[in-house]
């Protein structure tokens, strides 16, 4: 299956997770994100590309907990900066 622009730059799983989170922001809580862990960078970039501010805010809040340890900050800080997730970026810089 071939996806149309801008979705063609992302996997089908990333698009599916994005749609799930768009329709149910409660699933963006850290406890629920484990199933999407491998796809989160793509989901965040796609939400940024589509200018989905509510979803980006929810994902940014969820990423804050990942930024509290050095390994998480190193992994997520570039993405937080690229996608303007200020709360997560601030936590990672701390």
N, C-alpha and C. Protein backbone atom coordinates (compact mmCIF):
# COMPACT_ATOMS: atom_id res chain seq x y z
N UNK A 1 0.85 -1.18 0.00
CA UNK A 1 0.00 0.00 0.00
C UNK A 1 0.89 1.23 0.00
N UNK A 2 0.62 2.15 -0.89
CA UNK A 2 1.39 3.37 -0.98
C UNK A 2 0.57 4.53 -0.41
N UNK A 3 1.19 5.28 0.46
CA UNK A 3 0.52 6.41 1.10
C UNK A 3 0.78 7.68 0.30
N UNK A 4 -0.12 8.62 0.41
CA UNK A 4 0.00 9.91 -0.26
C UNK A 4 0.80 10.89 0.60
N UNK A 5 1.31 11.94 -0.01
CA UNK A 5 2.04 13.01 0.67
C UNK A 5 1.12 13.66 1.71
N UNK A 6 1.55 14.00 2.88
CA UNK A 6 2.88 13.85 3.48
C UNK A 6 3.07 12.49 4.14
N UNK A 7 2.07 11.64 4.07
CA UNK A 7 2.14 10.35 4.76
C UNK A 7 3.15 9.38 4.14
N UNK A 8 3.51 9.59 2.88
CA UNK A 8 4.40 8.66 2.20
C UNK A 8 5.81 8.65 2.79
N UNK A 9 6.14 9.62 3.61
CA UNK A 9 7.45 9.67 4.26
C UNK A 9 7.48 8.88 5.56
N UNK A 10 6.35 8.29 5.92
CA UNK A 10 6.21 7.60 7.20
C UNK A 10 5.67 6.20 6.98
N UNK A 11 5.91 5.34 7.95
CA UNK A 11 5.41 3.97 7.84
C UNK A 11 3.91 3.93 8.11
N UNK A 12 3.30 2.85 7.66
CA UNK A 12 1.87 2.66 7.91
C UNK A 12 1.60 2.60 9.41
N UNK A 13 2.50 2.01 10.18
CA UNK A 13 2.33 1.92 11.64
C UNK A 13 2.39 3.31 12.28
N UNK A 14 3.29 4.17 11.80
CA UNK A 14 3.37 5.53 12.34
C UNK A 14 2.09 6.30 12.05
N UNK A 15 1.57 6.16 10.86
CA UNK A 15 0.31 6.83 10.49
C UNK A 15 -0.84 6.29 11.34
N UNK A 16 -0.89 4.98 11.54
CA UNK A 16 -1.95 4.38 12.34
C UNK A 16 -1.89 4.87 13.79
N UNK A 17 -0.69 4.94 14.36
CA UNK A 17 -0.55 5.46 15.73
C UNK A 17 -0.95 6.93 15.80
N UNK A 18 -0.56 7.70 14.80
CA UNK A 18 -0.94 9.11 14.76
C UNK A 18 -2.46 9.25 14.80
N UNK A 19 -3.15 8.49 13.96
CA UNK A 19 -4.61 8.56 13.93
C UNK A 19 -5.21 8.14 15.27
N UNK A 20 -4.66 7.10 15.85
CA UNK A 20 -5.14 6.65 17.17
C UNK A 20 -5.01 7.77 18.19
N UNK A 21 -3.84 8.41 18.23
CA UNK A 21 -3.60 9.47 19.21
C UNK A 21 -4.42 10.72 18.90
N UNK A 22 -4.63 11.02 17.63
CA UNK A 22 -5.45 12.19 17.28
C UNK A 22 -6.89 12.02 17.77
N UNK A 23 -7.40 10.82 17.63
CA UNK A 23 -8.79 10.57 18.01
C UNK A 23 -8.96 10.27 19.50
N UNK A 24 -7.87 9.95 20.17
CA UNK A 24 -7.95 9.66 21.61
C UNK A 24 -6.68 10.16 22.29
N UNK A 25 -6.66 11.44 22.63
CA UNK A 25 -5.48 12.04 23.25
C UNK A 25 -5.11 11.38 24.58
N UNK A 26 -6.08 10.73 25.24
CA UNK A 26 -5.77 10.05 26.50
C UNK A 26 -4.77 8.92 26.30
N UNK A 27 -4.67 8.39 25.10
CA UNK A 27 -3.70 7.33 24.81
C UNK A 27 -2.27 7.86 24.75
N UNK A 28 -2.09 9.17 24.84
CA UNK A 28 -0.75 9.76 24.84
C UNK A 28 -0.11 9.75 26.22
N UNK A 29 -0.79 9.21 27.20
CA UNK A 29 -0.20 9.09 28.53
C UNK A 29 0.95 8.10 28.48
N UNK A 30 2.00 8.33 29.28
CA UNK A 30 3.17 7.45 29.24
C UNK A 30 2.84 5.96 29.37
N UNK A 31 1.88 5.62 30.19
CA UNK A 31 1.54 4.20 30.38
C UNK A 31 1.01 3.56 29.10
N UNK A 32 0.36 4.33 28.24
CA UNK A 32 -0.22 3.80 27.01
C UNK A 32 0.74 3.85 25.81
N UNK A 33 1.82 4.61 25.94
CA UNK A 33 2.72 4.80 24.80
C UNK A 33 3.67 3.64 24.56
N UNK A 34 3.74 2.71 25.49
CA UNK A 34 4.69 1.60 25.36
C UNK A 34 4.50 0.83 24.06
N UNK A 35 3.26 0.63 23.65
CA UNK A 35 2.98 -0.13 22.43
C UNK A 35 3.47 0.60 21.18
N UNK A 36 3.60 1.91 21.26
CA UNK A 36 4.02 2.71 20.11
C UNK A 36 5.46 3.19 20.22
N UNK A 37 6.18 2.72 21.22
CA UNK A 37 7.53 3.24 21.53
C UNK A 37 8.44 3.31 20.30
N UNK A 38 8.50 2.25 19.53
CA UNK A 38 9.40 2.22 18.37
C UNK A 38 8.97 3.21 17.28
N UNK A 39 7.71 3.61 17.29
CA UNK A 39 7.19 4.49 16.25
C UNK A 39 7.03 5.93 16.70
N UNK A 40 7.33 6.22 17.96
CA UNK A 40 7.10 7.58 18.48
C UNK A 40 7.86 8.67 17.73
N UNK A 41 9.13 8.49 17.38
CA UNK A 41 9.79 9.57 16.64
C UNK A 41 9.06 9.93 15.34
N UNK A 42 8.63 8.93 14.61
CA UNK A 42 7.88 9.20 13.37
C UNK A 42 6.54 9.83 13.63
N UNK A 43 5.86 9.38 14.69
CA UNK A 43 4.55 9.95 15.04
C UNK A 43 4.70 11.43 15.40
N UNK A 44 5.73 11.75 16.19
CA UNK A 44 5.96 13.14 16.58
C UNK A 44 6.28 13.98 15.35
N UNK A 45 7.16 13.49 14.47
CA UNK A 45 7.49 14.25 13.26
C UNK A 45 6.27 14.44 12.36
N UNK A 46 5.44 13.43 12.24
CA UNK A 46 4.24 13.53 11.41
C UNK A 46 3.24 14.51 12.02
N UNK A 47 3.05 14.46 13.33
CA UNK A 47 2.16 15.42 13.99
C UNK A 47 2.67 16.85 13.78
N UNK A 48 3.98 17.01 13.82
CA UNK A 48 4.57 18.33 13.57
C UNK A 48 4.34 18.76 12.12
N UNK A 49 4.54 17.84 11.18
CA UNK A 49 4.34 18.15 9.76
C UNK A 49 2.89 18.53 9.46
N UNK A 50 1.96 17.91 10.18
CA UNK A 50 0.54 18.17 9.96
C UNK A 50 0.02 19.31 10.83
N UNK A 51 0.89 19.89 11.63
CA UNK A 51 0.53 20.98 12.53
C UNK A 51 -0.67 20.59 13.41
N UNK A 52 -0.45 19.57 14.23
CA UNK A 52 -1.48 19.07 15.15
C UNK A 52 -1.09 19.49 16.57
N UNK A 53 -1.39 20.75 16.96
CA UNK A 53 -0.88 21.28 18.22
C UNK A 53 -1.35 20.54 19.48
N UNK A 54 -2.59 20.09 19.52
CA UNK A 54 -3.07 19.38 20.71
C UNK A 54 -2.33 18.06 20.87
N UNK A 55 -2.11 17.36 19.78
CA UNK A 55 -1.38 16.09 19.84
C UNK A 55 0.08 16.34 20.20
N UNK A 56 0.69 17.36 19.62
CA UNK A 56 2.08 17.67 19.95
C UNK A 56 2.24 18.02 21.43
N UNK A 57 1.30 18.76 21.96
CA UNK A 57 1.35 19.10 23.38
C UNK A 57 1.25 17.85 24.23
N UNK A 58 0.33 16.96 23.89
CA UNK A 58 0.16 15.71 24.65
C UNK A 58 1.40 14.83 24.55
N UNK A 59 1.96 14.70 23.36
CA UNK A 59 3.17 13.90 23.17
C UNK A 59 4.36 14.54 23.88
N UNK A 60 4.43 15.87 23.84
CA UNK A 60 5.50 16.58 24.54
C UNK A 60 5.46 16.33 26.03
N UNK A 61 4.26 16.37 26.60
CA UNK A 61 4.11 16.07 28.04
C UNK A 61 4.56 14.65 28.34
N UNK A 62 4.22 13.72 27.47
CA UNK A 62 4.61 12.32 27.68
C UNK A 62 6.12 12.15 27.58
N UNK A 63 6.76 12.92 26.72
CA UNK A 63 8.20 12.79 26.54
C UNK A 63 8.99 13.40 27.69
N UNK A 64 8.36 14.28 28.46
CA UNK A 64 9.05 14.91 29.59
C UNK A 64 9.61 13.84 30.53
N UNK A 65 8.83 12.81 30.81
CA UNK A 65 9.30 11.77 31.73
C UNK A 65 10.51 11.03 31.16
N UNK A 66 10.60 10.93 29.84
CA UNK A 66 11.74 10.26 29.21
C UNK A 66 13.00 11.11 29.25
N UNK A 67 12.84 12.41 29.40
CA UNK A 67 13.96 13.35 29.39
C UNK A 67 14.68 13.44 30.74
N UNK A 68 14.15 12.83 31.76
CA UNK A 68 14.72 12.98 33.10
C UNK A 68 15.99 12.17 33.33
N UNK A 69 16.28 11.26 32.42
CA UNK A 69 17.52 10.50 32.51
C UNK A 69 18.38 10.85 31.29
N UNK A 70 19.68 10.77 31.46
CA UNK A 70 20.61 11.19 30.41
C UNK A 70 20.36 10.46 29.09
N UNK A 71 20.17 9.16 29.15
CA UNK A 71 19.96 8.40 27.92
C UNK A 71 18.71 8.88 27.18
N UNK A 72 17.63 9.11 27.91
CA UNK A 72 16.40 9.61 27.30
C UNK A 72 16.57 11.00 26.72
N UNK A 73 17.28 11.86 27.45
CA UNK A 73 17.51 13.22 26.96
C UNK A 73 18.31 13.18 25.66
N UNK A 74 19.34 12.36 25.62
CA UNK A 74 20.15 12.26 24.41
C UNK A 74 19.34 11.73 23.23
N UNK A 75 18.44 10.81 23.51
CA UNK A 75 17.62 10.22 22.44
C UNK A 75 16.56 11.19 21.94
N UNK A 76 15.87 11.88 22.85
CA UNK A 76 14.69 12.64 22.49
C UNK A 76 14.92 14.14 22.31
N UNK A 77 16.02 14.67 22.82
CA UNK A 77 16.26 16.12 22.75
C UNK A 77 16.29 16.66 21.32
N UNK A 78 16.99 16.02 20.39
CA UNK A 78 16.98 16.56 19.01
C UNK A 78 15.57 16.60 18.40
N UNK A 79 14.79 15.57 18.66
CA UNK A 79 13.42 15.54 18.14
C UNK A 79 12.56 16.61 18.80
N UNK A 80 12.72 16.79 20.10
CA UNK A 80 11.96 17.82 20.82
C UNK A 80 12.28 19.21 20.26
N UNK A 81 13.55 19.44 19.96
CA UNK A 81 13.94 20.73 19.40
C UNK A 81 13.39 20.89 17.98
N UNK A 82 13.54 19.85 17.16
CA UNK A 82 13.09 19.90 15.77
C UNK A 82 11.59 20.15 15.67
N UNK A 83 10.83 19.54 16.56
CA UNK A 83 9.36 19.64 16.49
C UNK A 83 8.80 20.66 17.47
N UNK A 84 9.67 21.46 18.07
CA UNK A 84 9.27 22.57 18.94
C UNK A 84 8.42 22.11 20.13
N UNK A 85 8.85 21.01 20.75
CA UNK A 85 8.18 20.52 21.96
C UNK A 85 8.88 21.16 23.15
N UNK A 86 8.49 22.38 23.46
CA UNK A 86 9.24 23.18 24.41
C UNK A 86 9.31 22.57 25.81
N UNK A 87 8.24 21.98 26.31
CA UNK A 87 8.27 21.40 27.65
C UNK A 87 9.26 20.25 27.72
N UNK A 88 9.24 19.39 26.73
CA UNK A 88 10.17 18.27 26.69
C UNK A 88 11.60 18.76 26.49
N UNK A 89 11.79 19.74 25.63
CA UNK A 89 13.11 20.27 25.38
C UNK A 89 13.67 20.91 26.65
N UNK A 90 12.86 21.70 27.34
CA UNK A 90 13.30 22.32 28.59
C UNK A 90 13.74 21.28 29.62
N UNK A 91 12.98 20.20 29.73
CA UNK A 91 13.32 19.13 30.67
C UNK A 91 14.62 18.45 30.27
N UNK A 92 14.83 18.25 29.00
CA UNK A 92 16.04 17.60 28.52
C UNK A 92 17.28 18.44 28.70
N UNK A 93 17.15 19.77 28.59
CA UNK A 93 18.27 20.66 28.74
C UNK A 93 18.68 20.77 30.21
N UNK A 94 17.70 20.64 31.09
CA UNK A 94 17.96 20.73 32.53
C UNK A 94 18.93 19.68 32.91
